[in-house]
Amino acid sequence: MKKDFDFDDIGKHTPYRTPEGFFEDVQQQVMERAGIKRQRRFRLRLVISSVMTAAILAGFFFIPFLRQSEQPVSDRLAIEKNHETADPVDKWINELSDEELEELVNFSENDLFLN
């Protein structure tokens, strides 16, 4: 193998041949193909964004109406009073004696977190 290879002997010409106007035709074909894909992507994005906007607007308009169709608050309170569902803490307080209640009040008055 020859170690003293001189690149200057090769010259600056390329050994490959291309037809006349090859690069101009390739550029035109690439631009045509890219333009078609851009239009498809733009249409797809437009359709997707329109569907998303319509879904969001439908959610804003129809969800509050669904919530209003539930029982009114006053009816729910009346039903709860009829069932007499007392809180366990209320039952515990009702069972305390007067002395125990006074101790609880004194304790709560001196509590830093409650006052």
Protein backbone atom coordinates (compact mmCIF):
# COMPACT_ATOMS: atom_id res chain seq x y z
CA MET A 1 0.00 0.00 0.00
CA LYS A 2 1.22 3.40 -0.89
CA LYS A 3 1.72 5.68 2.14
CA ASP A 4 2.51 8.85 0.25
CA PHE A 5 -0.89 9.51 -1.31
CA ASP A 6 -1.32 12.99 -2.75
CA PHE A 7 -4.87 14.33 -2.90
CA ASP A 8 -3.78 17.13 -5.23
CA ASP A 9 -3.31 14.57 -7.99
CA ILE A 10 -7.04 13.74 -7.94
CA GLY A 11 -8.22 17.26 -8.69
CA LYS A 12 -11.50 18.96 -7.94
CA HIS A 13 -13.80 17.28 -10.44
CA THR A 14 -16.50 14.81 -9.41
CA PRO A 15 -16.67 11.45 -11.10
CA TYR A 16 -20.50 11.41 -11.02
CA ARG A 17 -22.69 12.70 -13.82
CA THR A 18 -26.24 14.07 -13.42
CA PRO A 19 -28.77 14.83 -16.12
CA GLU A 20 -29.32 18.42 -17.16
CA GLY A 21 -31.68 20.27 -14.75
CA PHE A 22 -31.70 17.40 -12.24
CA PHE A 23 -31.34 19.52 -9.11
CA GLU A 24 -34.02 22.00 -10.19
CA ASP A 25 -36.48 19.16 -10.83
CA VAL A 26 -35.72 17.55 -7.47
CA GLN A 27 -36.29 20.83 -5.65
CA GLN A 28 -39.60 21.34 -7.42
CA GLN A 29 -40.78 17.81 -6.62
CA VAL A 30 -39.83 18.16 -2.96
CA MET A 31 -41.68 21.45 -2.66
CA GLU A 32 -44.79 19.96 -4.29
CA ARG A 33 -44.83 17.01 -1.91
CA ALA A 34 -44.17 19.19 1.13
CA GLY A 35 -46.97 21.58 0.15
CA ILE A 36 -49.54 18.78 -0.03
CA LYS A 37 -48.57 17.46 3.39
CA ARG A 38 -48.71 20.93 4.90
CA GLN A 39 -52.27 21.39 3.68
CA ARG A 40 -53.33 18.03 5.12
CA ARG A 41 -51.72 18.78 8.47
CA PHE A 42 -53.31 22.23 8.58
CA ARG A 43 -56.75 20.78 7.87
CA LEU A 44 -56.25 18.06 10.48
CA ARG A 45 -55.20 20.59 13.10
CA LEU A 46 -58.16 22.79 12.23
CA VAL A 47 -60.61 19.90 12.60
CA ILE A 48 -59.09 18.71 15.89
CA SER A 49 -59.07 22.18 17.42
CA SER A 50 -62.68 22.77 16.32
CA VAL A 51 -63.84 19.50 17.89
CA MET A 52 -61.98 20.27 21.13
CA THR A 53 -63.49 23.75 21.31
CA ALA A 54 -66.99 22.40 20.74
CA ALA A 55 -66.52 19.77 23.46
CA ILE A 56 -65.30 22.35 25.98
CA LEU A 57 -68.19 24.70 25.23
CA ALA A 58 -70.68 21.86 25.53
CA GLY A 59 -69.20 20.98 28.90
CA PHE A 60 -69.49 24.54 30.16
CA PHE A 61 -73.08 24.87 29.00
CA PHE A 62 -74.55 21.49 29.97
CA ILE A 63 -72.77 20.46 33.18
CA PRO A 64 -74.31 23.25 35.34
CA PHE A 65 -77.79 22.21 34.18
CA LEU A 66 -77.15 18.62 35.23
CA ARG A 67 -76.13 19.73 38.70
CA GLN A 68 -79.23 21.90 39.12
CA SER A 69 -81.53 18.98 38.42
CA GLU A 70 -80.62 17.41 41.79
CA GLN A 71 -82.76 17.92 44.90
CA PRO A 72 -82.80 21.45 46.27
CA VAL A 73 -80.86 22.05 49.48
CA SER A 74 -83.96 22.71 51.58
CA ASP A 75 -85.43 19.32 50.62
CA ARG A 76 -82.20 17.56 51.55
CA LEU A 77 -82.15 19.26 54.95
CA ALA A 78 -85.76 18.29 55.63
CA ILE A 79 -84.99 14.67 54.80
CA GLU A 80 -81.96 14.66 57.08
CA LYS A 81 -84.00 16.09 59.97
CA ASN A 82 -86.61 13.39 59.57
CA HIS A 83 -83.99 10.67 59.88
CA GLU A 84 -82.57 12.26 63.03
CA THR A 85 -78.99 11.43 62.18
CA ALA A 86 -77.22 12.99 65.14
CA ASP A 87 -73.49 13.37 65.19
CA PRO A 88 -71.69 11.10 67.74
CA VAL A 89 -70.06 14.18 69.27
CA ASP A 90 -73.50 15.71 69.87
CA LYS A 91 -74.61 12.54 71.61
CA TRP A 92 -71.48 12.59 73.76
CA ILE A 93 -72.04 16.24 74.76
CA ASN A 94 -75.67 15.54 75.66
CA GLU A 95 -74.56 12.74 77.98
CA LEU A 96 -72.09 14.96 79.90
CA SER A 97 -72.98 16.30 83.33
CA ASP A 98 -73.00 20.01 84.15
CA GLU A 99 -69.63 19.82 85.93
CA GLU A 100 -68.04 18.07 82.96
CA LEU A 101 -69.45 20.68 80.61
CA GLU A 102 -68.01 23.50 82.75
CA GLU A 103 -64.59 21.81 82.74
CA LEU A 104 -64.79 21.45 78.97
CA VAL A 105 -65.66 25.15 78.57
CA ASN A 106 -62.80 26.23 80.86
CA PHE A 107 -60.40 23.99 79.00
CA SER A 108 -61.50 25.35 75.62
CA GLU A 109 -61.17 28.97 76.80
CA ASN A 110 -57.53 28.38 77.72
CA ASP A 111 -56.70 26.47 74.53
CA LEU A 112 -54.32 28.39 72.24
CA PHE A 113 -55.53 26.72 69.07
CA LEU A 114 -59.24 27.36 69.62
CA ASN A 115 -58.87 31.03 70.57
